[in-house]
Amino acid sequence: MKRFRNILVVAPPGADLAATLRAAESLALANRADLTLFDAVPPVNIRARNPGGHSQEDIRNLVETARLTQLKEITDAVSTVQMEVAVSTGTLFLEVIRRTLAYEHDLVMISPDQDAGDVGLTRASTVMHLMRKGPVPVWVVRSERSDRGDVLAAVGPFEDGSPTLLDRKIVELASSLATRTGGRFHLLHSWSLQGESLLRNGRVRLAAAEVDRFVEEAELSARTALDKLLAETGISAEEVELHLAKGSAADSITRMAADLSPEVVVMGTLARSGIAGLLIGNSAENVLGSLETNILAVKPIGFSTPVSL
């Protein structure tokens, strides 16, 4: 199933692009997608008269051309498919978003802009800005894996007992990726009875058996919603391995990713406030701060970036 047609690969300064470019090329070949390697150089401000007679624009063009040459050398060395190269001037995450809007890219792929030994993405400022504000899915390539390419997708929470359009999008993308890689598709949903600890407090005066029944009902509701999601997306039981985990989404995703070591974790970034730019919820923030796998972060349906062209 073709998913992405116009992929933007970001080249953070100093990042090792080999794994990201290979992942992007593989995805582009499977989707017959266009590829663009992109970077934004910081502006050079000239405060004194330039003895060479160069204007501010001249200096900007020289810097952009130099970086463009570097990127072309990188693509010539590792690229096996045709790839456009582009450079602009400005703050990297803002220029990535503007480029995405202007050229209608439908996926951004990027290496973490942080030290290689850092766990999670909390220090990857460009990545986190793109997660929060970017208009399209963001694929963070941390490493190349030698296993069969399993895919772990996390859906929910099902707050009203029903899956959302975002959940469907996550499942469809993850299933398509697993088919492409030949790996196993794992689908995880975390559930809980909100307020269970309070209900089990002796002061509430509820029998333990009654609270147990509430918990069973919550689990049944979660399983029913998960079955409904699979039915809506046309995924059969043979195509997916289901994981229904009691507890917080952050803990469940982190634990499952450590156990399965998938090639990529596909998850949603949730915006419940309705305010543009307030994208990632607490669970997603916690997960992104701990995962060491590749991550595909999918945006909520209808999300609008606060960045303009």
C-alpha atoms as a PDB file:
ATOM      1  CA  MET A   1       0.000   0.000   0.000  1.00  0.00           C
ATOM      2  CA  LYS A   2       1.534   3.291  -1.089  1.00  0.00           C
ATOM      3  CA  ARG A   3       1.624   5.873   1.672  1.00  0.00           C
ATOM      4  CA  PHE A   4       4.199   8.579   1.018  1.00  0.00           C
ATOM      5  CA  ARG A   5       4.888  10.297  -2.287  1.00  0.00           C
ATOM      6  CA  ASN A   6       7.120  13.295  -1.460  1.00  0.00           C
ATOM      7  CA  ILE A   7       9.646  12.671   1.331  1.00  0.00           C
ATOM      8  CA  LEU A   8      11.818  15.366   2.889  1.00  0.00           C
ATOM      9  CA  VAL A   9      15.048  14.114   4.491  1.00  0.00           C
ATOM     10  CA  VAL A  10      16.545  16.599   6.951  1.00  0.00           C
ATOM     11  CA  ALA A  11      20.306  16.891   7.434  1.00  0.00           C
ATOM     12  CA  PRO A  12      21.000  18.298  10.926  1.00  0.00           C
ATOM     13  CA  PRO A  13      24.555  19.690  11.214  1.00  0.00           C
ATOM     14  CA  GLY A  14      27.017  16.998  12.251  1.00  0.00           C
ATOM     15  CA  ALA A  15      24.513  14.138  12.009  1.00  0.00           C
ATOM     16  CA  ASP A  16      25.463  10.792  10.489  1.00  0.00           C
ATOM     17  CA  LEU A  17      23.063  10.603   7.557  1.00  0.00           C
ATOM     18  CA  ALA A  18      23.953   7.155   6.249  1.00  0.00           C
ATOM     19  CA  ALA A  19      21.213   5.224   8.081  1.00  0.00           C
ATOM     20  CA  THR A  20      18.603   7.916   7.456  1.00  0.00           C
ATOM     21  CA  LEU A  21      19.347   8.084   3.741  1.00  0.00           C
ATOM     22  CA  ARG A  22      19.230   4.313   3.357  1.00  0.00           C
ATOM     23  CA  ALA A  23      15.895   4.155   5.203  1.00  0.00           C
ATOM     24  CA  ALA A  24      14.538   6.995   3.070  1.00  0.00           C
ATOM     25  CA  GLU A  25      15.664   5.355  -0.153  1.00  0.00           C
ATOM     26  CA  SER A  26      14.083   2.046   0.808  1.00  0.00           C
ATOM     27  CA  LEU A  27      10.798   3.772   1.622  1.00  0.00           C
ATOM     28  CA  ALA A  28      10.932   5.874  -1.531  1.00  0.00           C
ATOM     29  CA  LEU A  29      11.471   2.810  -3.724  1.00  0.00           C
ATOM     30  CA  ALA A  30       8.554   0.988  -2.094  1.00  0.00           C
ATOM     31  CA  ASN A  31       6.275   4.013  -2.523  1.00  0.00           C
ATOM     32  CA  ARG A  32       7.707   5.404  -5.778  1.00  0.00           C
ATOM     33  CA  ALA A  33       8.198   8.610  -3.873  1.00  0.00           C
ATOM     34  CA  ASP A  34      10.282  11.699  -4.583  1.00  0.00           C
ATOM     35  CA  LEU A  35      13.194  12.388  -2.226  1.00  0.00           C
ATOM     36  CA  THR A  36      14.713  15.705  -1.168  1.00  0.00           C
ATOM     37  CA  LEU A  37      17.710  16.148   1.135  1.00  0.00           C
ATOM     38  CA  PHE A  38      17.398  19.477   2.949  1.00  0.00           C
ATOM     39  CA  ASP A  39      19.252  21.669   5.417  1.00  0.00           C
ATOM     40  CA  ALA A  40      19.023  25.250   6.648  1.00  0.00           C
ATOM     41  CA  VAL A  41      22.190  27.193   7.400  1.00  0.00           C
ATOM     42  CA  PRO A  42      22.232  29.882  10.102  1.00  0.00           C
ATOM     43  CA  PRO A  43      22.237  33.492   8.880  1.00  0.00           C
ATOM     44  CA  VAL A  44      25.585  35.292   8.798  1.00  0.00           C
ATOM     45  CA  ASN A  45      25.185  38.893   9.937  1.00  0.00           C
ATOM     46  CA  ILE A  46      27.769  41.356   8.661  1.00  0.00           C
ATOM     47  CA  ARG A  47      28.103  44.254  11.106  1.00  0.00           C
ATOM     48  CA  ALA A  48      31.193  45.924   9.657  1.00  0.00           C
ATOM     49  CA  ARG A  49      31.906  47.121   6.149  1.00  0.00           C
ATOM     50  CA  ASN A  50      33.066  44.167   4.108  1.00  0.00           C
ATOM     51  CA  PRO A  51      36.383  44.953   2.385  1.00  0.00           C
ATOM     52  CA  GLY A  52      35.571  42.441  -0.318  1.00  0.00           C
ATOM     53  CA  GLY A  53      32.484  44.373  -1.309  1.00  0.00           C
ATOM     54  CA  HIS A  54      30.119  41.469  -0.632  1.00  0.00           C
ATOM     55  CA  SER A  55      26.544  42.238   0.357  1.00  0.00           C
ATOM     56  CA  GLN A  56      24.570  40.355   2.979  1.00  0.00           C
ATOM     57  CA  GLU A  57      22.829  38.483   0.181  1.00  0.00           C
ATOM     58  CA  ASP A  58      26.167  37.582  -1.422  1.00  0.00           C
ATOM     59  CA  ILE A  59      27.382  36.056   1.836  1.00  0.00           C
ATOM     60  CA  ARG A  60      24.126  34.138   2.267  1.00  0.00           C
ATOM     61  CA  ASN A  61      24.396  32.723  -1.257  1.00  0.00           C
ATOM     62  CA  LEU A  62      28.018  31.695  -0.685  1.00  0.00           C
ATOM     63  CA  VAL A  63      27.160  29.870   2.553  1.00  0.00           C
ATOM     64  CA  GLU A  64      24.126  28.153   1.042  1.00  0.00           C
ATOM     65  CA  THR A  65      26.126  27.078  -2.019  1.00  0.00           C
ATOM     66  CA  ALA A  66      28.873  25.609   0.162  1.00  0.00           C
ATOM     67  CA  ARG A  67      26.354  23.576   2.165  1.00  0.00           C
ATOM     68  CA  LEU A  68      24.582  22.532  -1.025  1.00  0.00           C
ATOM     69  CA  THR A  69      27.880  21.176  -2.346  1.00  0.00           C
ATOM     70  CA  GLN A  70      28.404  19.207   0.886  1.00  0.00           C
ATOM     71  CA  LEU A  71      24.961  17.641   0.636  1.00  0.00           C
ATOM     72  CA  LYS A  72      25.487  16.712  -3.014  1.00  0.00           C
ATOM     73  CA  GLU A  73      28.737  14.992  -2.067  1.00  0.00           C
ATOM     74  CA  ILE A  74      26.865  13.010   0.592  1.00  0.00           C
ATOM     75  CA  THR A  75      24.135  11.904  -1.803  1.00  0.00           C
ATOM     76  CA  ASP A  76      26.679  11.022  -4.487  1.00  0.00           C
ATOM     77  CA  ALA A  77      28.484   8.779  -1.993  1.00  0.00           C
ATOM     78  CA  VAL A  78      25.518   6.859  -0.574  1.00  0.00           C
ATOM     79  CA  SER A  79      22.475   7.456  -2.747  1.00  0.00           C
ATOM     80  CA  THR A  80      21.248   4.813  -5.160  1.00  0.00           C
ATOM     81  CA  VAL A  81      18.121   6.707  -6.258  1.00  0.00           C
ATOM     82  CA  GLN A  82      17.607  10.166  -7.678  1.00  0.00           C
ATOM     83  CA  MET A  83      17.496  12.729  -4.874  1.00  0.00           C
ATOM     84  CA  GLU A  84      17.019  16.482  -5.013  1.00  0.00           C
ATOM     85  CA  VAL A  85      19.178  18.623  -2.730  1.00  0.00           C
ATOM     86  CA  ALA A  86      18.018  21.942  -1.267  1.00  0.00           C
ATOM     87  CA  VAL A  87      19.327  24.492   1.249  1.00  0.00           C
ATOM     88  CA  SER A  88      17.840  27.622   2.787  1.00  0.00           C
ATOM     89  CA  THR A  89      18.846  30.075   5.511  1.00  0.00           C
ATOM     90  CA  GLY A  90      17.201  30.293   8.919  1.00  0.00           C
ATOM     91  CA  THR A  91      16.271  28.215  11.961  1.00  0.00           C
ATOM     92  CA  LEU A  92      16.264  24.569  10.900  1.00  0.00           C
ATOM     93  CA  PHE A  93      12.887  23.413  12.247  1.00  0.00           C
ATOM     94  CA  LEU A  94      11.114  26.531  10.936  1.00  0.00           C
ATOM     95  CA  GLU A  95      12.665  26.148   7.488  1.00  0.00           C
ATOM     96  CA  VAL A  96      11.761  22.439   7.426  1.00  0.00           C
ATOM     97  CA  ILE A  97       8.131  23.265   8.170  1.00  0.00           C
ATOM     98  CA  ARG A  98       8.059  26.056   5.572  1.00  0.00           C
ATOM     99  CA  ARG A  99       9.631  23.770   3.000  1.00  0.00           C
ATOM    100  CA  THR A 100       7.093  21.064   3.852  1.00  0.00           C
ATOM    101  CA  LEU A 101       4.222  23.484   3.318  1.00  0.00           C
ATOM    102  CA  ALA A 102       5.590  25.074   0.155  1.00  0.00           C
ATOM    103  CA  TYR A 103       6.478  21.818  -1.611  1.00  0.00           C
ATOM    104  CA  GLU A 104       3.734  19.625  -0.124  1.00  0.00           C
ATOM    105  CA  HIS A 105       6.022  17.030   1.422  1.00  0.00           C
ATOM    106  CA  ASP A 106       4.023  14.303   3.157  1.00  0.00           C
ATOM    107  CA  LEU A 107       6.761  12.841   5.403  1.00  0.00           C
ATOM    108  CA  VAL A 108       9.820  14.252   7.170  1.00  0.00           C
ATOM    109  CA  MET A 109      12.688  11.867   7.968  1.00  0.00           C
ATOM    110  CA  ILE A 110      15.456  12.999  10.305  1.00  0.00           C
ATOM    111  CA  SER A 111      18.307  11.760  12.489  1.00  0.00           C
ATOM    112  CA  PRO A 112      18.216  12.900  16.128  1.00  0.00           C
ATOM    113  CA  ASP A 113      20.060  16.217  16.499  1.00  0.00           C
ATOM    114  CA  GLN A 114      21.741  15.203  19.741  1.00  0.00           C
ATOM    115  CA  ASP A 115      24.736  13.254  21.015  1.00  0.00           C
ATOM    116  CA  ALA A 116      24.733   9.643  19.836  1.00  0.00           C
ATOM    117  CA  GLY A 117      24.811   8.268  23.377  1.00  0.00           C
ATOM    118  CA  ASP A 118      21.701  10.118  24.561  1.00  0.00           C
ATOM    119  CA  VAL A 119      18.668   7.953  25.340  1.00  0.00           C
ATOM    120  CA  GLY A 120      15.316   9.164  24.039  1.00  0.00           C
ATOM    121  CA  LEU A 121      14.789  12.422  22.180  1.00  0.00           C
ATOM    122  CA  THR A 122      14.481  15.005  24.948  1.00  0.00           C
ATOM    123  CA  ARG A 123      17.759  16.646  23.869  1.00  0.00           C
ATOM    124  CA  ALA A 124      16.898  16.565  20.149  1.00  0.00           C
ATOM    125  CA  SER A 125      15.484  20.067  19.921  1.00  0.00           C
ATOM    126  CA  THR A 126      14.859  20.134  16.160  1.00  0.00           C
ATOM    127  CA  VAL A 127      13.126  16.746  16.278  1.00  0.00           C
ATOM    128  CA  MET A 128      10.901  17.785  19.174  1.00  0.00           C
ATOM    129  CA  HIS A 129       9.952  21.057  17.466  1.00  0.00           C
ATOM    130  CA  LEU A 130       8.961  19.109  14.364  1.00  0.00           C
ATOM    131  CA  MET A 131       6.978  16.647  16.485  1.00  0.00           C
ATOM    132  CA  ARG A 132       5.075  19.497  18.091  1.00  0.00           C
ATOM    133  CA  LYS A 133       4.639  21.907  15.201  1.00  0.00           C
ATOM    134  CA  GLY A 134       5.262  20.118  11.917  1.00  0.00           C
ATOM    135  CA  PRO A 135       2.251  19.506   9.641  1.00  0.00           C
ATOM    136  CA  VAL A 136       3.159  15.948   8.548  1.00  0.00           C
ATOM    137  CA  PRO A 137       4.380  12.696  10.135  1.00  0.00           C
ATOM    138  CA  VAL A 138       7.960  12.669  11.400  1.00  0.00           C
ATOM    139  CA  TRP A 139      10.151   9.569  11.087  1.00  0.00           C
ATOM    140  CA  VAL A 140      13.142   9.634  13.429  1.00  0.00           C
ATOM    141  CA  VAL A 141      15.851   7.227  12.272  1.00  0.00           C
ATOM    142  CA  ARG A 142      18.069   6.245  15.181  1.00  0.00           C
ATOM    143  CA  SER A 143      19.719   3.130  13.784  1.00  0.00           C
ATOM    144  CA  GLU A 144      19.689   0.382  11.201  1.00  0.00           C
ATOM    145  CA  ARG A 145      18.480  -2.928  12.569  1.00  0.00           C
ATOM    146  CA  SER A 146      19.520  -6.354  11.409  1.00  0.00           C
ATOM    147  CA  ASP A 147      16.340  -8.181  12.437  1.00  0.00           C
ATOM    148  CA  ARG A 148      13.356  -8.878  10.214  1.00  0.00           C
ATOM    149  CA  GLY A 149      11.829  -5.426  10.624  1.00  0.00           C
ATOM    150  CA  ASP A 150       8.993  -5.837  13.117  1.00  0.00           C
ATOM    151  CA  VAL A 151       6.665  -2.873  13.558  1.00  0.00           C
ATOM    152  CA  LEU A 152       5.057  -1.869  16.865  1.00  0.00           C
ATOM    153  CA  ALA A 153       2.047   0.450  16.722  1.00  0.00           C
ATOM    154  CA  ALA A 154       0.449   2.055  19.773  1.00  0.00           C
ATOM    155  CA  VAL A 155      -3.179   3.194  19.656  1.00  0.00           C
ATOM    156  CA  GLY A 156      -5.534   4.890  22.083  1.00  0.00           C
ATOM    157  CA  PRO A 157      -6.576   6.076  24.534  1.00  0.00           C
ATOM    158  CA  PHE A 158     -10.167   5.216  23.582  1.00  0.00           C
ATOM    159  CA  GLU A 159     -11.705   7.851  25.807  1.00  0.00           C
ATOM    160  CA  ASP A 160     -15.276   7.368  24.608  1.00  0.00           C
ATOM    161  CA  GLY A 161     -14.896   3.652  23.983  1.00  0.00           C
ATOM    162  CA  SER A 162     -14.278   4.084  20.259  1.00  0.00           C
ATOM    163  CA  PRO A 163     -11.117   4.343  18.138  1.00  0.00           C
ATOM    164  CA  THR A 164     -10.412   7.647  16.393  1.00  0.00           C
ATOM    165  CA  LEU A 165      -9.408   8.517  12.852  1.00  0.00           C
ATOM    166  CA  LEU A 166      -5.858   8.910  14.159  1.00  0.00           C
ATOM    167  CA  ASP A 167      -5.946   5.338  15.482  1.00  0.00           C
ATOM    168  CA  ARG A 168      -7.029   4.100  12.063  1.00  0.00           C
ATOM    169  CA  LYS A 169      -4.234   6.049  10.403  1.00  0.00           C
ATOM    170  CA  ILE A 170      -1.663   4.554  12.791  1.00  0.00           C
ATOM    171  CA  VAL A 171      -2.872   1.001  12.145  1.00  0.00           C
ATOM    172  CA  GLU A 172      -2.958   1.418   8.374  1.00  0.00           C
ATOM    173  CA  LEU A 173       0.539   2.904   8.271  1.00  0.00           C
ATOM    174  CA  ALA A 174       2.009   0.296  10.605  1.00  0.00           C
ATOM    175  CA  SER A 175       0.393  -2.593   8.745  1.00  0.00           C
ATOM    176  CA  SER A 176       1.709  -1.253   5.445  1.00  0.00           C
ATOM    177  CA  LEU A 177       5.222  -0.894   6.860  1.00  0.00           C
ATOM    178  CA  ALA A 178       5.218  -4.415   8.285  1.00  0.00           C
ATOM    179  CA  THR A 179       4.139  -5.779   4.902  1.00  0.00           C
ATOM    180  CA  ARG A 180       6.978  -3.898   3.231  1.00  0.00           C
ATOM    181  CA  THR A 181       9.660  -5.031   5.685  1.00  0.00           C
ATOM    182  CA  GLY A 182       8.374  -8.598   5.952  1.00  0.00           C
ATOM    183  CA  GLY A 183       8.246  -8.246   9.727  1.00  0.00           C
ATOM    184  CA  ARG A 184       5.548  -8.918  12.284  1.00  0.00           C
ATOM    185  CA  PHE A 185       2.931  -6.273  12.997  1.00  0.00           C
ATOM    186  CA  HIS A 186       2.419  -5.749  16.739  1.00  0.00           C
ATOM    187  CA  LEU A 187      -0.509  -3.620  17.911  1.00  0.00           C
ATOM    188  CA  LEU A 188      -0.492  -2.296  21.457  1.00  0.00           C
ATOM    189  CA  HIS A 189      -3.299  -0.677  23.412  1.00  0.00           C
ATOM    190  CA  SER A 190      -2.866   0.409  27.018  1.00  0.00           C
ATOM    191  CA  TRP A 191      -5.919   0.615  29.224  1.00  0.00           C
ATOM    192  CA  SER A 192      -6.776   1.323  32.836  1.00  0.00           C
ATOM    193  CA  LEU A 193      -9.694   2.016  35.139  1.00  0.00           C
ATOM    194  CA  GLN A 194      -9.281   5.671  35.910  1.00  0.00           C
ATOM    195  CA  GLY A 195      -9.371   6.245  39.639  1.00  0.00           C
ATOM    196  CA  GLU A 196      -8.949   2.552  40.517  1.00  0.00           C
ATOM    197  CA  SER A 197      -6.567   3.284  43.393  1.00  0.00           C
ATOM    198  CA  LEU A 198      -9.089   5.682  44.916  1.00  0.00           C
ATOM    199  CA  LEU A 199     -11.908   3.185  44.503  1.00  0.00           C
ATOM    200  CA  ARG A 200      -9.858   0.612  46.380  1.00  0.00           C
ATOM    201  CA  ASN A 201      -9.280   3.049  49.222  1.00  0.00           C
ATOM    202  CA  GLY A 202     -11.167   1.876  52.295  1.00  0.00           C
ATOM    203  CA  ARG A 203     -12.734   5.294  52.758  1.00  0.00           C
ATOM    204  CA  VAL A 204     -14.727   4.928  49.526  1.00  0.00           C
ATOM    205  CA  ARG A 205     -16.468   1.909  51.050  1.00  0.00           C
ATOM    206  CA  LEU A 206     -16.759  -0.135  47.880  1.00  0.00           C
ATOM    207  CA  ALA A 207     -16.380  -3.895  48.054  1.00  0.00           C
ATOM    208  CA  ALA A 208     -13.241  -5.237  46.395  1.00  0.00           C
ATOM    209  CA  ALA A 209     -15.375  -7.537  44.246  1.00  0.00           C
ATOM    210  CA  GLU A 210     -17.285  -4.539  42.900  1.00  0.00           C
ATOM    211  CA  VAL A 211     -14.102  -2.696  41.988  1.00  0.00           C
ATOM    212  CA  ASP A 212     -12.848  -5.880  40.322  1.00  0.00           C
ATOM    213  CA  ARG A 213     -16.002  -5.898  38.234  1.00  0.00           C
ATOM    214  CA  PHE A 214     -15.368  -2.283  37.176  1.00  0.00           C
ATOM    215  CA  VAL A 215     -11.848  -3.263  36.132  1.00  0.00           C
ATOM    216  CA  GLU A 216     -13.132  -6.213  34.111  1.00  0.00           C
ATOM    217  CA  GLU A 217     -15.617  -3.947  32.374  1.00  0.00           C
ATOM    218  CA  ALA A 218     -12.861  -1.463  31.528  1.00  0.00           C
ATOM    219  CA  GLU A 219     -10.748  -4.239  30.038  1.00  0.00           C
ATOM    220  CA  LEU A 220     -13.687  -5.579  28.045  1.00  0.00           C
ATOM    221  CA  SER A 221     -14.418  -2.096  26.718  1.00  0.00           C
ATOM    222  CA  ALA A 222     -10.790  -1.713  25.622  1.00  0.00           C
ATOM    223  CA  ARG A 223     -10.781  -5.093  23.894  1.00  0.00           C
ATOM    224  CA  THR A 224     -14.075  -4.330  22.142  1.00  0.00           C
ATOM    225  CA  ALA A 225     -12.727  -1.012  20.871  1.00  0.00           C
ATOM    226  CA  LEU A 226      -9.558  -2.714  19.634  1.00  0.00           C
ATOM    227  CA  ASP A 227     -11.611  -5.339  17.776  1.00  0.00           C
ATOM    228  CA  LYS A 228     -13.680  -2.541  16.253  1.00  0.00           C
ATOM    229  CA  LEU A 229     -10.518  -0.781  15.090  1.00  0.00           C
ATOM    230  CA  LEU A 230      -9.248  -3.911  13.353  1.00  0.00           C
ATOM    231  CA  ALA A 231     -12.616  -4.448  11.688  1.00  0.00           C
ATOM    232  CA  GLU A 232     -12.666  -0.848  10.441  1.00  0.00           C
ATOM    233  CA  THR A 233      -9.182  -1.162   8.946  1.00  0.00           C
ATOM    234  CA  GLY A 234      -9.709  -4.635   7.507  1.00  0.00           C
ATOM    235  CA  ILE A 235      -6.835  -6.198   9.482  1.00  0.00           C
ATOM    236  CA  SER A 236      -7.315  -9.907  10.162  1.00  0.00           C
ATOM    237  CA  ALA A 237      -6.167 -11.752  13.284  1.00  0.00           C
ATOM    238  CA  GLU A 238      -3.488 -13.515  11.236  1.00  0.00           C
ATOM    239  CA  GLU A 239      -1.905 -10.207  10.217  1.00  0.00           C
ATOM    240  CA  VAL A 240      -1.348  -8.757  13.678  1.00  0.00           C
ATOM    241  CA  GLU A 241      -0.231  -9.727  17.156  1.00  0.00           C
ATOM    242  CA  LEU A 242      -2.378  -7.906  19.715  1.00  0.00           C
ATOM    243  CA  HIS A 243      -1.086  -6.634  23.045  1.00  0.00           C
ATOM    244  CA  LEU A 244      -3.614  -5.352  25.579  1.00  0.00           C
ATOM    245  CA  ALA A 245      -1.657  -3.910  28.507  1.00  0.00           C
ATOM    246  CA  LYS A 246      -2.995  -2.555  31.760  1.00  0.00           C
ATOM    247  CA  GLY A 247      -1.230   0.604  32.853  1.00  0.00           C
ATOM    248  CA  SER A 248       0.019   3.890  31.442  1.00  0.00           C
ATOM    249  CA  ALA A 249       0.676   4.197  27.734  1.00  0.00           C
ATOM    250  CA  ALA A 250       4.196   5.537  28.331  1.00  0.00           C
ATOM    251  CA  ASP A 251       5.214   2.570  30.482  1.00  0.00           C
ATOM    252  CA  SER A 252       3.576   0.012  28.196  1.00  0.00           C
ATOM    253  CA  ILE A 253       5.109   1.340  24.989  1.00  0.00           C
ATOM    254  CA  THR A 254       8.572   1.632  26.526  1.00  0.00           C
ATOM    255  CA  ARG A 255       8.420  -1.876  27.989  1.00  0.00           C
ATOM    256  CA  MET A 256       7.033  -3.451  24.810  1.00  0.00           C
ATOM    257  CA  ALA A 257       9.614  -1.731  22.608  1.00  0.00           C
ATOM    258  CA  ALA A 258      12.392  -3.013  24.859  1.00  0.00           C
ATOM    259  CA  ASP A 259      10.988  -6.560  24.738  1.00  0.00           C
ATOM    260  CA  LEU A 260      10.311  -6.708  20.984  1.00  0.00           C
ATOM    261  CA  SER A 261      13.125  -4.484  19.655  1.00  0.00           C
ATOM    262  CA  PRO A 262      11.066  -3.451  16.597  1.00  0.00           C
ATOM    263  CA  GLU A 263      12.502  -1.627  13.628  1.00  0.00           C
ATOM    264  CA  VAL A 264      10.080   1.217  14.199  1.00  0.00           C
ATOM    265  CA  VAL A 265       7.455   2.311  16.725  1.00  0.00           C
ATOM    266  CA  VAL A 266       4.440   4.018  15.162  1.00  0.00           C
ATOM    267  CA  MET A 267       2.552   6.276  17.555  1.00  0.00           C
ATOM    268  CA  GLY A 268       0.297   9.285  17.562  1.00  0.00           C
ATOM    269  CA  THR A 269       0.962  12.713  18.965  1.00  0.00           C
ATOM    270  CA  LEU A 270      -2.156  13.967  20.665  1.00  0.00           C
ATOM    271  CA  ALA A 271      -3.554  17.489  20.745  1.00  0.00           C
ATOM    272  CA  ARG A 272      -6.524  17.735  23.087  1.00  0.00           C
ATOM    273  CA  SER A 273      -6.331  21.464  23.778  1.00  0.00           C
ATOM    274  CA  GLY A 274      -7.369  22.570  20.302  1.00  0.00           C
ATOM    275  CA  ILE A 275      -4.602  25.194  20.340  1.00  0.00           C
ATOM    276  CA  ALA A 276      -2.296  25.127  17.333  1.00  0.00           C
ATOM    277  CA  GLY A 277       1.213  24.084  18.294  1.00  0.00           C
ATOM    278  CA  LEU A 278       0.265  22.329  21.542  1.00  0.00           C
ATOM    279  CA  LEU A 279       0.676  18.932  20.023  1.00  0.00           C
ATOM    280  CA  ILE A 280       2.379  16.350  22.200  1.00  0.00           C
ATOM    281  CA  GLY A 281       0.627  15.080  25.304  1.00  0.00           C
ATOM    282  CA  ASN A 282       2.334  13.906  28.494  1.00  0.00           C
ATOM    283  CA  SER A 283       2.299  10.231  27.488  1.00  0.00           C
ATOM    284  CA  ALA A 284       3.934  10.930  24.137  1.00  0.00           C
ATOM    285  CA  GLU A 285       6.533  13.197  25.756  1.00  0.00           C
ATOM    286  CA  ASN A 286       7.435  10.456  28.242  1.00  0.00           C
ATOM    287  CA  VAL A 287       7.706   7.833  25.511  1.00  0.00           C
ATOM    288  CA  LEU A 288       9.883  10.017  23.300  1.00  0.00           C
ATOM    289  CA  GLY A 289      12.145  10.618  26.257  1.00  0.00           C
ATOM    290  CA  SER A 290      12.860   6.918  26.731  1.00  0.00           C
ATOM    291  CA  LEU A 291      12.633   5.038  23.420  1.00  0.00           C
ATOM    292  CA  GLU A 292      15.822   3.972  21.668  1.00  0.00           C
ATOM    293  CA  THR A 293      14.133   2.674  18.514  1.00  0.00           C
ATOM    294  CA  ASN A 294      13.229   4.360  15.266  1.00  0.00           C
ATOM    295  CA  ILE A 295       9.983   6.306  15.654  1.00  0.00           C
ATOM    296  CA  LEU A 296       7.238   7.313  13.256  1.00  0.00           C
ATOM    297  CA  ALA A 297       5.109   9.994  14.912  1.00  0.00           C
ATOM    298  CA  VAL A 298       1.728  10.514  13.249  1.00  0.00           C
ATOM    299  CA  LYS A 299      -0.160  13.788  13.525  1.00  0.00           C
ATOM    300  CA  PRO A 300      -3.801  14.072  14.625  1.00  0.00           C
ATOM    301  CA  ILE A 301      -6.332  14.428  11.852  1.00  0.00           C
ATOM    302  CA  GLY A 302      -6.925  18.096  11.135  1.00  0.00           C
ATOM    303  CA  PHE A 303      -3.824  19.361  12.932  1.00  0.00           C
ATOM    304  CA  SER A 304      -2.675  22.741  11.638  1.00  0.00           C
ATOM    305  CA  THR A 305       0.872  23.968  12.123  1.00  0.00           C
ATOM    306  CA  PRO A 306       1.320  27.343  13.833  1.00  0.00           C
ATOM    307  CA  VAL A 307       4.163  28.119  11.413  1.00  0.00           C
ATOM    308  CA  SER A 308       3.289  30.059   8.272  1.00  0.00           C
ATOM    309  CA  LEU A 309       5.116  30.401   4.984  1.00  0.00           C
END
